[in-house]
Structures are given as C-alpha cells and as structure tokens.
Amino acid sequence: MNAESPIVTADTPGNSQKRSLGDRLFGGLTWFSAVAVLLVLGAIILMLFMGARPAFEKYGFWGFITSAQWNPVTEMFGALSPIVGTLVSSLIAILIGVPVSFGIALFITELAPPWLKRPVGTAIELLAAIPSIIYGMWGLFVFAPFFADYIQPILTDTLGELPLIGPLFQGPPLGISVFTAGIILAVMIIPFIASVMRDVFETVPAELRESAFGVGSTTWEVVWNVVLPLTRVGVVGGIMLGLGRALGETMAVTFVIGNAHKLHWALFEPGNSIASTIANEFTEADGEVYTAALIGLGLILFIITFIVLALAKLMLLHMSRQAGRQT
C-alpha cells in the first residue's frame, strides 16, 4: 500500500450518525433502568411507611420496636419479639453455615480429586434450587422430631449445665424452636455461600498455589496465606448474600420456629420472626391498627436488611482499599 494513498475508514457520516443514535438510545435505556429501580424502591418504602403510619402514631416508632407485647384482642402490638427472633435465627444460621460452606468450598477447590469435583458442585447447586417450603416441610416432619428425641437432650445435659450459656440451651423437647429455625436456615444458605466461595477460590491463579506448595507450604497454609487474602472480598460478599437470604426467609421458618410471641433467653423455646409473623397473621388481620402493625414489621425488616447490606458494602470497600494499599 502506498504511503501517500488515502486511508479508508468505516467512519462515514452515515455510520457515525447511526452509531451516535445507537449510543444515545443505549445510554437512555440504561438511565431509565437505573431510575426505574430507584423509583420502585422509593415506592415500596413509601407504601410501607404509609401503611405502618397508624401503628407508629399510636405506639410511636421506638415504642413499637421496643415493646414485646403482641395481643390482637387488646390491640397491643410490639415488634421486639419478632425482631429478636429474626436476628437470633439468622445469627445461628451464619454461625453454622459459614464454617460448613468454607469446608465445602475448600474441599472442592483444593482437596477433591478431579472426578469428584463436578458431582459435588452439582449437588450443592441443586440444594440451592429446592423451594423453601420443601425445607420447611422436611424440617417439621423429619428434622424437628429427630432433633427433639436425640440432639436436644444431649445439648441440654451438656451445654445447658454451663454457668453462663446454660440458659440458652434450656427448653421443652418440642423440636420446633428458634434454634431449629436457625439450623434449617443454615442448611438453606449453605449452597449460596459455598457456591460463591468456590467460584472466588477458583479465580486464584494456579501459579500462586504451585509456588506456595513449592516452598513447602501445607494446604492450610496455602489457603490461609494465599487464597483467602486474594479472595476475602468475594468471601465476605458471599456471606452477606447468605445473611440476606436468612433474614428474609419466610415459609421454612414459619414451619419450624413455633410462631409464639414470646421473648425469652432459651433457644429451644418456640419463637417467631418478622417474616413468619406477617405470613401467619396478615390474612386474618382485622382492623386498621392490626394491619398497620404487620406492615410496620415489614418496614422494620426492610430497614434491618438495608443496614446489613450497607455495613457489608462499607466493609467490602474498606477491605478493597486495604488490599490496594498492600499491593
């Protein structure tokens, strides 16, 4: 090609105009999508606030969330018991689910032979696809009786006799309790957390693993000193994803938590959560205040979820900045 020959490009006036029009349409579509999400979110918040307003006007916002009374007959409603049940059952689920999920992800990525990785990974993904009501039915008809007959007596005779944490492990052997709900939630969130951990563990370059093994590191040392520092942001994100699922779970918790408006220390006593209370009582709510109290519970659950996700986002940003400084 001659150096003096003109360079032919595809940026003709017609193509440039078409590209400019396409860019504007694409940009407008993305802006519309983002604004639509914000509008829907704002509409949900406004609807919850307006629906809960009669209850807040009668009891006050802080009075509503700090009262443990729930009596539809006398129209005395307080959100403290469902709030505590939601937080405690979710905390139990995280305490059980995170170590198990970490072990599963570690086994799949570091220890399992190649022929076993795919079947185990597929089984974990299938667990995530099971409907929550199936977990609830299994928990009520299978796990709860087994837990009441074989596990709870052992925990009561051992941990229940300890001086400080003993009151937590007391209660009648009914099988349905806040502790049972936490275990069922743990089973439900394990597939989500384990899948995220497995995916982020697999993003670590093989050269780093091989280099660590080459200098004599054990598998645990490789995971603790190489894999986790590089993937901690994704690991925390997966844990927060599981926590969000646990906070908002409804049907499975409704089956096994006992649905009792009681505030107590014992984990083996029946309790309730925000989601289970709304699911059980919304259809039979009679009166403006009763309905407003249930909508107020929904607003509080929204606020709790928002706070958890916001704290998780701040934690991830802090960890990302620390990782950037170290590099």
C-alpha atoms as a PDB file:
ATOM      1  CA  MET A   1       0.000   0.000   0.000  1.00  0.00           C
ATOM      2  CA  ASN A   2       1.409   3.357  -0.950  1.00  0.00           C
ATOM      3  CA  ALA A   3       2.196   5.705   1.900  1.00  0.00           C
ATOM      4  CA  GLU A   4       0.539   8.544   0.031  1.00  0.00           C
ATOM      5  CA  SER A   5      -2.666   6.600  -0.631  1.00  0.00           C
ATOM      6  CA  PRO A   6      -5.688   7.742   1.417  1.00  0.00           C
ATOM      7  CA  ILE A   7      -6.700   5.636   4.407  1.00  0.00           C
ATOM      8  CA  VAL A   8     -10.197   4.265   4.059  1.00  0.00           C
ATOM      9  CA  THR A   9     -12.169   4.082   7.269  1.00  0.00           C
ATOM     10  CA  ALA A  10     -15.684   2.958   8.136  1.00  0.00           C
ATOM     11  CA  ASP A  11     -16.473   6.213   9.940  1.00  0.00           C
ATOM     12  CA  THR A  12     -18.563   7.683   7.174  1.00  0.00           C
ATOM     13  CA  PRO A  13     -21.076  10.366   8.104  1.00  0.00           C
ATOM     14  CA  GLY A  14     -23.909   7.860   7.881  1.00  0.00           C
ATOM     15  CA  ASN A  15     -22.189   5.316  10.122  1.00  0.00           C
ATOM     16  CA  SER A  16     -21.199   7.984  12.642  1.00  0.00           C
ATOM     17  CA  GLN A  17     -24.780   9.223  12.810  1.00  0.00           C
ATOM     18  CA  LYS A  18     -26.105   5.693  13.291  1.00  0.00           C
ATOM     19  CA  ARG A  19     -23.521   4.977  15.990  1.00  0.00           C
ATOM     20  CA  SER A  20     -24.331   8.234  17.747  1.00  0.00           C
ATOM     21  CA  LEU A  21     -28.044   7.428  17.659  1.00  0.00           C
ATOM     22  CA  GLY A  22     -27.401   3.913  18.959  1.00  0.00           C
ATOM     23  CA  ASP A  23     -25.211   5.230  21.774  1.00  0.00           C
ATOM     24  CA  ARG A  24     -27.892   7.713  22.798  1.00  0.00           C
ATOM     25  CA  LEU A  25     -30.580   5.029  22.787  1.00  0.00           C
ATOM     26  CA  PHE A  26     -28.411   2.664  24.798  1.00  0.00           C
ATOM     27  CA  GLY A  27     -27.481   5.392  27.282  1.00  0.00           C
ATOM     28  CA  GLY A  28     -31.116   6.414  27.671  1.00  0.00           C
ATOM     29  CA  LEU A  29     -32.165   2.806  28.233  1.00  0.00           C
ATOM     30  CA  THR A  30     -29.569   2.281  30.950  1.00  0.00           C
ATOM     31  CA  TRP A  31     -30.543   5.543  32.660  1.00  0.00           C
ATOM     32  CA  PHE A  32     -34.211   4.574  32.516  1.00  0.00           C
ATOM     33  CA  SER A  33     -33.439   1.174  34.040  1.00  0.00           C
ATOM     34  CA  ALA A  34     -31.438   2.711  36.881  1.00  0.00           C
ATOM     35  CA  VAL A  35     -34.072   5.355  37.607  1.00  0.00           C
ATOM     36  CA  ALA A  36     -36.849   2.755  37.425  1.00  0.00           C
ATOM     37  CA  VAL A  37     -35.142   0.680  40.109  1.00  0.00           C
ATOM     38  CA  LEU A  38     -34.844   3.722  42.361  1.00  0.00           C
ATOM     39  CA  LEU A  39     -38.476   4.672  41.735  1.00  0.00           C
ATOM     40  CA  VAL A  40     -39.697   1.161  42.575  1.00  0.00           C
ATOM     41  CA  LEU A  41     -37.580   1.120  45.714  1.00  0.00           C
ATOM     42  CA  GLY A  42     -38.882   4.513  46.754  1.00  0.00           C
ATOM     43  CA  ALA A  43     -42.461   3.434  46.075  1.00  0.00           C
ATOM     44  CA  ILE A  44     -42.015   0.359  48.268  1.00  0.00           C
ATOM     45  CA  ILE A  45     -40.587   2.432  51.118  1.00  0.00           C
ATOM     46  CA  LEU A  46     -43.393   4.991  50.808  1.00  0.00           C
ATOM     47  CA  MET A  47     -46.063   2.273  50.724  1.00  0.00           C
ATOM     48  CA  LEU A  48     -44.632   0.575  53.813  1.00  0.00           C
ATOM     49  CA  PHE A  49     -44.348   3.841  55.710  1.00  0.00           C
ATOM     50  CA  MET A  50     -47.879   4.983  54.843  1.00  0.00           C
ATOM     51  CA  GLY A  51     -49.306   1.566  55.681  1.00  0.00           C
ATOM     52  CA  ALA A  52     -47.495   1.427  59.034  1.00  0.00           C
ATOM     53  CA  ARG A  53     -48.303   5.024  59.959  1.00  0.00           C
ATOM     54  CA  PRO A  54     -51.390   4.259  62.120  1.00  0.00           C
ATOM     55  CA  ALA A  55     -49.355   1.889  64.303  1.00  0.00           C
ATOM     56  CA  PHE A  56     -46.473   4.335  64.612  1.00  0.00           C
ATOM     57  CA  GLU A  57     -48.862   7.146  65.514  1.00  0.00           C
ATOM     58  CA  LYS A  58     -50.475   5.054  68.240  1.00  0.00           C
ATOM     59  CA  TYR A  59     -47.385   3.495  69.814  1.00  0.00           C
ATOM     60  CA  GLY A  60     -44.553   5.634  68.486  1.00  0.00           C
ATOM     61  CA  PHE A  61     -41.776   4.203  66.356  1.00  0.00           C
ATOM     62  CA  TRP A  62     -39.429   3.465  69.262  1.00  0.00           C
ATOM     63  CA  GLY A  63     -42.295   2.290  71.428  1.00  0.00           C
ATOM     64  CA  PHE A  64     -43.341  -0.112  68.692  1.00  0.00           C
ATOM     65  CA  ILE A  65     -39.914  -1.668  68.202  1.00  0.00           C
ATOM     66  CA  THR A  66     -39.083  -1.887  71.936  1.00  0.00           C
ATOM     67  CA  SER A  67     -42.335  -3.479  73.110  1.00  0.00           C
ATOM     68  CA  ALA A  68     -42.647  -7.262  73.314  1.00  0.00           C
ATOM     69  CA  GLN A  69     -46.447  -7.294  73.689  1.00  0.00           C
ATOM     70  CA  TRP A  70     -48.486  -8.710  70.830  1.00  0.00           C
ATOM     71  CA  ASN A  71     -52.182  -9.074  71.615  1.00  0.00           C
ATOM     72  CA  PRO A  72     -54.663  -8.579  68.761  1.00  0.00           C
ATOM     73  CA  VAL A  73     -57.600  -8.676  71.194  1.00  0.00           C
ATOM     74  CA  THR A  74     -56.458  -5.606  73.130  1.00  0.00           C
ATOM     75  CA  GLU A  75     -54.725  -4.104  70.074  1.00  0.00           C
ATOM     76  CA  MET A  76     -51.366  -4.027  71.792  1.00  0.00           C
ATOM     77  CA  PHE A  77     -48.620  -4.654  69.272  1.00  0.00           C
ATOM     78  CA  GLY A  78     -44.844  -4.614  69.666  1.00  0.00           C
ATOM     79  CA  ALA A  79     -42.130  -5.711  67.285  1.00  0.00           C
ATOM     80  CA  LEU A  80     -39.383  -6.649  69.733  1.00  0.00           C
ATOM     81  CA  SER A  81     -40.090 -10.387  69.811  1.00  0.00           C
ATOM     82  CA  PRO A  82     -40.154 -10.827  66.001  1.00  0.00           C
ATOM     83  CA  ILE A  83     -37.048  -8.651  65.652  1.00  0.00           C
ATOM     84  CA  VAL A  84     -35.118 -10.726  68.198  1.00  0.00           C
ATOM     85  CA  GLY A  85     -36.306 -13.978  66.606  1.00  0.00           C
ATOM     86  CA  THR A  86     -35.216 -12.800  63.166  1.00  0.00           C
ATOM     87  CA  LEU A  87     -31.767 -11.704  64.320  1.00  0.00           C
ATOM     88  CA  VAL A  88     -31.105 -14.730  66.536  1.00  0.00           C
ATOM     89  CA  SER A  89     -32.186 -17.323  63.966  1.00  0.00           C
ATOM     90  CA  SER A  90     -30.125 -15.582  61.272  1.00  0.00           C
ATOM     91  CA  LEU A  91     -27.098 -15.428  63.577  1.00  0.00           C
ATOM     92  CA  ILE A  92     -27.391 -19.152  64.305  1.00  0.00           C
ATOM     93  CA  ALA A  93     -27.626 -19.826  60.576  1.00  0.00           C
ATOM     94  CA  ILE A  94     -24.473 -17.800  59.877  1.00  0.00           C
ATOM     95  CA  LEU A  95     -22.515 -19.407  62.728  1.00  0.00           C
ATOM     96  CA  ILE A  96     -23.344 -22.868  61.399  1.00  0.00           C
ATOM     97  CA  GLY A  97     -23.443 -22.173  57.679  1.00  0.00           C
ATOM     98  CA  VAL A  98     -20.210 -20.224  57.183  1.00  0.00           C
ATOM     99  CA  PRO A  99     -17.783 -22.892  58.509  1.00  0.00           C
ATOM    100  CA  VAL A 100     -19.610 -25.651  56.629  1.00  0.00           C
ATOM    101  CA  SER A 101     -19.665 -23.608  53.428  1.00  0.00           C
ATOM    102  CA  PHE A 102     -15.964 -22.823  53.794  1.00  0.00           C
ATOM    103  CA  GLY A 103     -15.210 -26.522  54.238  1.00  0.00           C
ATOM    104  CA  ILE A 104     -17.243 -27.452  51.170  1.00  0.00           C
ATOM    105  CA  ALA A 105     -15.597 -24.797  49.001  1.00  0.00           C
ATOM    106  CA  LEU A 106     -12.154 -25.760  50.296  1.00  0.00           C
ATOM    107  CA  PHE A 107     -12.775 -29.433  49.576  1.00  0.00           C
ATOM    108  CA  ILE A 108     -13.994 -28.775  46.032  1.00  0.00           C
ATOM    109  CA  THR A 109     -11.178 -26.423  45.055  1.00  0.00           C
ATOM    110  CA  GLU A 110      -8.203 -27.819  46.965  1.00  0.00           C
ATOM    111  CA  LEU A 111      -8.727 -31.419  48.089  1.00  0.00           C
ATOM    112  CA  ALA A 112     -11.274 -33.238  45.919  1.00  0.00           C
ATOM    113  CA  PRO A 113      -9.998 -35.399  43.054  1.00  0.00           C
ATOM    114  CA  PRO A 114     -10.977 -34.156  39.585  1.00  0.00           C
ATOM    115  CA  TRP A 115     -13.634 -36.856  39.088  1.00  0.00           C
ATOM    116  CA  LEU A 116     -15.431 -35.798  42.292  1.00  0.00           C
ATOM    117  CA  LYS A 117     -15.426 -32.006  41.892  1.00  0.00           C
ATOM    118  CA  ARG A 118     -18.254 -31.785  39.367  1.00  0.00           C
ATOM    119  CA  PRO A 119     -20.705 -34.138  41.192  1.00  0.00           C
ATOM    120  CA  VAL A 120     -20.210 -32.329  44.498  1.00  0.00           C
ATOM    121  CA  GLY A 121     -20.545 -28.908  42.863  1.00  0.00           C
ATOM    122  CA  THR A 122     -23.713 -30.002  41.051  1.00  0.00           C
ATOM    123  CA  ALA A 123     -25.192 -31.344  44.278  1.00  0.00           C
ATOM    124  CA  ILE A 124     -24.573 -28.008  46.017  1.00  0.00           C
ATOM    125  CA  GLU A 125     -26.250 -26.131  43.175  1.00  0.00           C
ATOM    126  CA  LEU A 126     -29.250 -28.491  43.317  1.00  0.00           C
ATOM    127  CA  LEU A 127     -29.657 -27.745  47.022  1.00  0.00           C
ATOM    128  CA  ALA A 128     -29.937 -24.057  46.158  1.00  0.00           C
ATOM    129  CA  ALA A 129     -32.784 -24.830  43.734  1.00  0.00           C
ATOM    130  CA  ILE A 130     -35.002 -26.585  46.306  1.00  0.00           C
ATOM    131  CA  PRO A 131     -38.057 -24.435  47.212  1.00  0.00           C
ATOM    132  CA  SER A 132     -38.084 -23.072  50.736  1.00  0.00           C
ATOM    133  CA  ILE A 133     -41.397 -24.720  51.559  1.00  0.00           C
ATOM    134  CA  ILE A 134     -39.783 -28.113  50.971  1.00  0.00           C
ATOM    135  CA  TYR A 135     -37.104 -27.254  53.509  1.00  0.00           C
ATOM    136  CA  GLY A 136     -39.852 -26.237  55.918  1.00  0.00           C
ATOM    137  CA  MET A 137     -41.788 -29.489  55.492  1.00  0.00           C
ATOM    138  CA  TRP A 138     -38.615 -31.529  55.886  1.00  0.00           C
ATOM    139  CA  GLY A 139     -37.707 -29.562  58.978  1.00  0.00           C
ATOM    140  CA  LEU A 140     -41.146 -30.019  60.548  1.00  0.00           C
ATOM    141  CA  PHE A 141     -41.763 -33.680  59.792  1.00  0.00           C
ATOM    142  CA  VAL A 142     -38.226 -35.108  59.733  1.00  0.00           C
ATOM    143  CA  PHE A 143     -35.636 -32.941  61.410  1.00  0.00           C
ATOM    144  CA  ALA A 144     -37.681 -31.486  64.288  1.00  0.00           C
ATOM    145  CA  PRO A 145     -38.696 -34.897  65.753  1.00  0.00           C
ATOM    146  CA  PHE A 146     -35.154 -36.220  65.332  1.00  0.00           C
ATOM    147  CA  PHE A 147     -33.712 -33.105  66.980  1.00  0.00           C
ATOM    148  CA  ALA A 148     -36.163 -33.313  69.897  1.00  0.00           C
ATOM    149  CA  ASP A 149     -35.511 -37.011  70.552  1.00  0.00           C
ATOM    150  CA  TYR A 150     -31.765 -37.298  70.065  1.00  0.00           C
ATOM    151  CA  ILE A 151     -29.921 -33.965  69.828  1.00  0.00           C
ATOM    152  CA  GLN A 152     -31.706 -31.566  72.159  1.00  0.00           C
ATOM    153  CA  PRO A 153     -31.433 -33.794  75.287  1.00  0.00           C
ATOM    154  CA  ILE A 154     -27.670 -34.067  74.769  1.00  0.00           C
ATOM    155  CA  LEU A 155     -27.279 -30.308  74.346  1.00  0.00           C
ATOM    156  CA  THR A 156     -29.448 -29.634  77.390  1.00  0.00           C
ATOM    157  CA  ASP A 157     -27.487 -32.063  79.578  1.00  0.00           C
ATOM    158  CA  THR A 158     -24.117 -30.687  78.466  1.00  0.00           C
ATOM    159  CA  LEU A 159     -24.248 -27.056  77.333  1.00  0.00           C
ATOM    160  CA  GLY A 160     -27.377 -26.405  79.387  1.00  0.00           C
ATOM    161  CA  GLU A 161     -25.453 -27.024  82.616  1.00  0.00           C
ATOM    162  CA  LEU A 162     -22.769 -24.431  81.955  1.00  0.00           C
ATOM    163  CA  PRO A 163     -22.936 -21.308  84.154  1.00  0.00           C
ATOM    164  CA  LEU A 164     -23.145 -18.512  81.581  1.00  0.00           C
ATOM    165  CA  ILE A 165     -24.545 -20.005  78.390  1.00  0.00           C
ATOM    166  CA  GLY A 166     -26.655 -22.647  80.121  1.00  0.00           C
ATOM    167  CA  PRO A 167     -29.962 -20.699  79.957  1.00  0.00           C
ATOM    168  CA  LEU A 168     -29.621 -20.529  76.179  1.00  0.00           C
ATOM    169  CA  PHE A 169     -29.871 -24.301  75.853  1.00  0.00           C
ATOM    170  CA  GLN A 170     -32.926 -24.891  78.005  1.00  0.00           C
ATOM    171  CA  GLY A 171     -36.480 -25.598  76.949  1.00  0.00           C
ATOM    172  CA  PRO A 172     -39.010 -28.381  76.388  1.00  0.00           C
ATOM    173  CA  PRO A 173     -38.068 -31.059  73.835  1.00  0.00           C
ATOM    174  CA  LEU A 174     -40.629 -29.966  71.266  1.00  0.00           C
ATOM    175  CA  GLY A 175     -38.328 -29.860  68.262  1.00  0.00           C
ATOM    176  CA  ILE A 176     -39.817 -26.601  66.967  1.00  0.00           C
ATOM    177  CA  SER A 177     -37.853 -23.643  68.284  1.00  0.00           C
ATOM    178  CA  VAL A 178     -35.694 -20.699  67.335  1.00  0.00           C
ATOM    179  CA  PHE A 179     -32.648 -22.990  67.323  1.00  0.00           C
ATOM    180  CA  THR A 180     -34.327 -25.392  64.896  1.00  0.00           C
ATOM    181  CA  ALA A 181     -35.221 -22.481  62.633  1.00  0.00           C
ATOM    182  CA  GLY A 182     -31.586 -21.383  62.689  1.00  0.00           C
ATOM    183  CA  ILE A 183     -30.415 -24.848  61.662  1.00  0.00           C
ATOM    184  CA  ILE A 184     -32.902 -25.025  58.785  1.00  0.00           C
ATOM    185  CA  LEU A 185     -31.798 -21.576  57.648  1.00  0.00           C
ATOM    186  CA  ALA A 186     -28.183 -22.741  57.796  1.00  0.00           C
ATOM    187  CA  VAL A 187     -28.994 -25.664  55.503  1.00  0.00           C
ATOM    188  CA  MET A 188     -30.702 -23.261  53.109  1.00  0.00           C
ATOM    189  CA  ILE A 189     -27.914 -20.684  52.898  1.00  0.00           C
ATOM    190  CA  ILE A 190     -25.011 -23.143  52.719  1.00  0.00           C
ATOM    191  CA  PRO A 191     -25.443 -23.729  48.937  1.00  0.00           C
ATOM    192  CA  PHE A 192     -25.331 -19.980  48.215  1.00  0.00           C
ATOM    193  CA  ILE A 193     -22.292 -19.233  50.371  1.00  0.00           C
ATOM    194  CA  ALA A 194     -20.439 -22.378  49.291  1.00  0.00           C
ATOM    195  CA  SER A 195     -21.033 -21.662  45.596  1.00  0.00           C
ATOM    196  CA  VAL A 196     -19.720 -18.097  45.900  1.00  0.00           C
ATOM    197  CA  MET A 197     -16.688 -19.221  47.903  1.00  0.00           C
ATOM    198  CA  ARG A 198     -15.921 -21.958  45.395  1.00  0.00           C
ATOM    199  CA  ASP A 199     -16.099 -19.541  42.476  1.00  0.00           C
ATOM    200  CA  VAL A 200     -13.843 -16.945  44.096  1.00  0.00           C
ATOM    201  CA  PHE A 201     -11.356 -19.595  45.247  1.00  0.00           C
ATOM    202  CA  GLU A 202     -11.071 -20.805  41.665  1.00  0.00           C
ATOM    203  CA  THR A 203     -10.102 -17.306  40.492  1.00  0.00           C
ATOM    204  CA  VAL A 204      -6.755 -17.544  42.307  1.00  0.00           C
ATOM    205  CA  PRO A 205      -4.023 -18.173  39.697  1.00  0.00           C
ATOM    206  CA  ALA A 206      -2.647 -21.689  39.779  1.00  0.00           C
ATOM    207  CA  GLU A 207       0.898 -20.304  39.689  1.00  0.00           C
ATOM    208  CA  LEU A 208       0.468 -18.793  43.147  1.00  0.00           C
ATOM    209  CA  ARG A 209      -0.748 -22.069  44.605  1.00  0.00           C
ATOM    210  CA  GLU A 210       2.048 -24.028  42.953  1.00  0.00           C
ATOM    211  CA  SER A 211       4.649 -21.554  44.152  1.00  0.00           C
ATOM    212  CA  ALA A 212       3.429 -21.834  47.723  1.00  0.00           C
ATOM    213  CA  PHE A 213       3.426 -25.614  47.569  1.00  0.00           C
ATOM    214  CA  GLY A 214       6.887 -25.484  46.007  1.00  0.00           C
ATOM    215  CA  VAL A 215       8.370 -23.744  49.054  1.00  0.00           C
ATOM    216  CA  GLY A 216       6.933 -26.383  51.375  1.00  0.00           C
ATOM    217  CA  SER A 217       3.581 -24.865  52.420  1.00  0.00           C
ATOM    218  CA  THR A 218       0.787 -27.136  53.535  1.00  0.00           C
ATOM    219  CA  THR A 219      -2.704 -26.993  52.054  1.00  0.00           C
ATOM    220  CA  TRP A 220      -3.979 -24.990  55.014  1.00  0.00           C
ATOM    221  CA  GLU A 221      -1.075 -22.547  54.771  1.00  0.00           C
ATOM    222  CA  VAL A 222      -1.776 -22.048  51.075  1.00  0.00           C
ATOM    223  CA  VAL A 223      -5.446 -21.381  51.769  1.00  0.00           C
ATOM    224  CA  TRP A 224      -4.821 -19.085  54.745  1.00  0.00           C
ATOM    225  CA  ASN A 225      -1.857 -17.118  53.348  1.00  0.00           C
ATOM    226  CA  VAL A 226      -2.535 -17.125  49.596  1.00  0.00           C
ATOM    227  CA  VAL A 227      -6.143 -17.918  48.717  1.00  0.00           C
ATOM    228  CA  LEU A 228      -8.038 -16.061  51.439  1.00  0.00           C
ATOM    229  CA  PRO A 229      -6.100 -12.760  51.210  1.00  0.00           C
ATOM    230  CA  LEU A 230      -6.818 -12.614  47.483  1.00  0.00           C
ATOM    231  CA  THR A 231     -10.484 -13.593  47.736  1.00  0.00           C
ATOM    232  CA  ARG A 232     -11.614 -12.112  51.052  1.00  0.00           C
ATOM    233  CA  VAL A 233     -13.808  -9.506  49.377  1.00  0.00           C
ATOM    234  CA  GLY A 234     -15.714 -12.190  47.476  1.00  0.00           C
ATOM    235  CA  VAL A 235     -15.919 -14.403  50.561  1.00  0.00           C
ATOM    236  CA  VAL A 236     -17.446 -11.597  52.630  1.00  0.00           C
ATOM    237  CA  GLY A 237     -19.843 -10.847  49.787  1.00  0.00           C
ATOM    238  CA  GLY A 238     -20.988 -14.466  49.728  1.00  0.00           C
ATOM    239  CA  ILE A 239     -21.533 -14.447  53.486  1.00  0.00           C
ATOM    240  CA  MET A 240     -23.597 -11.278  53.252  1.00  0.00           C
ATOM    241  CA  LEU A 241     -25.628 -12.848  50.458  1.00  0.00           C
ATOM    242  CA  GLY A 242     -26.435 -15.784  52.727  1.00  0.00           C
ATOM    243  CA  LEU A 243     -27.254 -13.472  55.627  1.00  0.00           C
ATOM    244  CA  GLY A 244     -29.671 -11.516  53.465  1.00  0.00           C
ATOM    245  CA  ARG A 245     -31.391 -14.755  52.472  1.00  0.00           C
ATOM    246  CA  ALA A 246     -31.653 -15.821  56.107  1.00  0.00           C
ATOM    247  CA  LEU A 247     -33.127 -12.503  57.265  1.00  0.00           C
ATOM    248  CA  GLY A 248     -35.941 -12.557  54.736  1.00  0.00           C
ATOM    249  CA  GLU A 249     -36.788 -16.262  54.666  1.00  0.00           C
ATOM    250  CA  THR A 250     -40.476 -16.893  55.343  1.00  0.00           C
ATOM    251  CA  MET A 251     -42.001 -20.311  54.702  1.00  0.00           C
ATOM    252  CA  ALA A 252     -39.253 -22.560  56.036  1.00  0.00           C
ATOM    253  CA  VAL A 253     -39.009 -20.524  59.246  1.00  0.00           C
ATOM    254  CA  THR A 254     -42.798 -20.450  59.641  1.00  0.00           C
ATOM    255  CA  PHE A 255     -42.906 -24.247  59.715  1.00  0.00           C
ATOM    256  CA  VAL A 256     -40.316 -24.801  62.448  1.00  0.00           C
ATOM    257  CA  ILE A 257     -39.933 -21.695  64.638  1.00  0.00           C
ATOM    258  CA  GLY A 258     -43.111 -22.281  66.655  1.00  0.00           C
ATOM    259  CA  ASN A 259     -44.799 -18.914  65.928  1.00  0.00           C
ATOM    260  CA  ALA A 260     -45.095 -17.890  69.579  1.00  0.00           C
ATOM    261  CA  HIS A 261     -44.975 -14.221  70.580  1.00  0.00           C
ATOM    262  CA  LYS A 262     -42.614 -14.775  73.482  1.00  0.00           C
ATOM    263  CA  LEU A 263     -39.373 -13.073  74.413  1.00  0.00           C
ATOM    264  CA  HIS A 264     -37.009 -15.398  76.281  1.00  0.00           C
ATOM    265  CA  TRP A 265     -33.386 -16.452  76.542  1.00  0.00           C
ATOM    266  CA  ALA A 266     -33.876 -20.142  75.768  1.00  0.00           C
ATOM    267  CA  LEU A 267     -33.095 -21.082  72.175  1.00  0.00           C
ATOM    268  CA  PHE A 268     -35.110 -24.292  72.496  1.00  0.00           C
ATOM    269  CA  GLU A 269     -38.324 -22.368  73.171  1.00  0.00           C
ATOM    270  CA  PRO A 270     -40.766 -21.555  70.348  1.00  0.00           C
ATOM    271  CA  GLY A 271     -40.477 -18.050  68.980  1.00  0.00           C
ATOM    272  CA  ASN A 272     -41.255 -16.081  65.858  1.00  0.00           C
ATOM    273  CA  SER A 273     -39.653 -13.898  63.236  1.00  0.00           C
ATOM    274  CA  ILE A 274     -40.798 -10.874  61.298  1.00  0.00           C
ATOM    275  CA  ALA A 275     -41.417 -12.853  58.124  1.00  0.00           C
ATOM    276  CA  SER A 276     -43.241 -15.699  59.899  1.00  0.00           C
ATOM    277  CA  THR A 277     -45.475 -13.264  61.807  1.00  0.00           C
ATOM    278  CA  ILE A 278     -46.507 -11.486  58.606  1.00  0.00           C
ATOM    279  CA  ALA A 279     -47.130 -14.783  56.795  1.00  0.00           C
ATOM    280  CA  ASN A 280     -49.240 -16.213  59.628  1.00  0.00           C
ATOM    281  CA  GLU A 281     -51.345 -13.213  60.558  1.00  0.00           C
ATOM    282  CA  PHE A 282     -51.707 -10.911  57.574  1.00  0.00           C
ATOM    283  CA  THR A 283     -54.741 -12.712  56.120  1.00  0.00           C
ATOM    284  CA  GLU A 284     -56.579 -12.608  59.444  1.00  0.00           C
ATOM    285  CA  ALA A 285     -55.610  -9.068  60.450  1.00  0.00           C
ATOM    286  CA  ASP A 286     -58.787  -7.244  61.470  1.00  0.00           C
ATOM    287  CA  GLY A 287     -58.670  -3.530  61.977  1.00  0.00           C
ATOM    288  CA  GLU A 288     -56.505  -0.671  60.819  1.00  0.00           C
ATOM    289  CA  VAL A 289     -54.015  -0.864  63.688  1.00  0.00           C
ATOM    290  CA  TYR A 290     -53.504  -4.638  63.354  1.00  0.00           C
ATOM    291  CA  THR A 291     -52.803  -4.348  59.645  1.00  0.00           C
ATOM    292  CA  ALA A 292     -50.575  -1.324  60.205  1.00  0.00           C
ATOM    293  CA  ALA A 293     -48.572  -3.233  62.831  1.00  0.00           C
ATOM    294  CA  LEU A 294     -47.877  -6.039  60.354  1.00  0.00           C
ATOM    295  CA  ILE A 295     -46.888  -3.565  57.647  1.00  0.00           C
ATOM    296  CA  GLY A 296     -44.667  -1.885  60.244  1.00  0.00           C
ATOM    297  CA  LEU A 297     -42.924  -5.226  60.758  1.00  0.00           C
ATOM    298  CA  GLY A 298     -42.280  -5.336  57.022  1.00  0.00           C
ATOM    299  CA  LEU A 299     -40.799  -1.846  57.141  1.00  0.00           C
ATOM    300  CA  ILE A 300     -38.541  -2.836  60.047  1.00  0.00           C
ATOM    301  CA  LEU A 301     -37.367  -5.918  58.145  1.00  0.00           C
ATOM    302  CA  PHE A 302     -36.587  -3.683  55.183  1.00  0.00           C
ATOM    303  CA  ILE A 303     -34.587  -1.356  57.434  1.00  0.00           C
ATOM    304  CA  ILE A 304     -32.674  -4.262  59.009  1.00  0.00           C
ATOM    305  CA  THR A 305     -31.809  -5.701  55.600  1.00  0.00           C
ATOM    306  CA  PHE A 306     -30.740  -2.276  54.334  1.00  0.00           C
ATOM    307  CA  ILE A 307     -28.478  -1.735  57.360  1.00  0.00           C
ATOM    308  CA  VAL A 308     -26.887  -5.165  56.962  1.00  0.00           C
ATOM    309  CA  LEU A 309     -26.231  -4.649  53.257  1.00  0.00           C
ATOM    310  CA  ALA A 310     -24.905  -1.134  53.837  1.00  0.00           C
ATOM    311  CA  LEU A 311     -22.493  -2.365  56.505  1.00  0.00           C
ATOM    312  CA  ALA A 312     -21.403  -5.155  54.184  1.00  0.00           C
ATOM    313  CA  LYS A 313     -20.766  -2.655  51.394  1.00  0.00           C
ATOM    314  CA  LEU A 314     -18.722  -0.444  53.701  1.00  0.00           C
ATOM    315  CA  MET A 315     -16.747  -3.469  54.882  1.00  0.00           C
ATOM    316  CA  LEU A 316     -16.045  -4.534  51.304  1.00  0.00           C
ATOM    317  CA  LEU A 317     -14.888  -1.026  50.372  1.00  0.00           C
ATOM    318  CA  HIS A 318     -12.589  -0.922  53.393  1.00  0.00           C
ATOM    319  CA  MET A 319     -11.138  -4.326  52.541  1.00  0.00           C
ATOM    320  CA  SER A 320     -10.653  -3.310  48.914  1.00  0.00           C
ATOM    321  CA  ARG A 321      -8.769  -0.176  49.973  1.00  0.00           C
ATOM    322  CA  GLN A 322      -6.557  -2.174  52.320  1.00  0.00           C
ATOM    323  CA  ALA A 323      -5.824  -4.672  49.551  1.00  0.00           C
ATOM    324  CA  GLY A 324      -4.951  -1.796  47.195  1.00  0.00           C
ATOM    325  CA  ARG A 325      -2.546  -0.291  49.712  1.00  0.00           C
ATOM    326  CA  GLN A 326      -0.824  -3.616  50.266  1.00  0.00           C
ATOM    327  CA  THR A 327      -0.300  -4.072  46.551  1.00  0.00           C
END
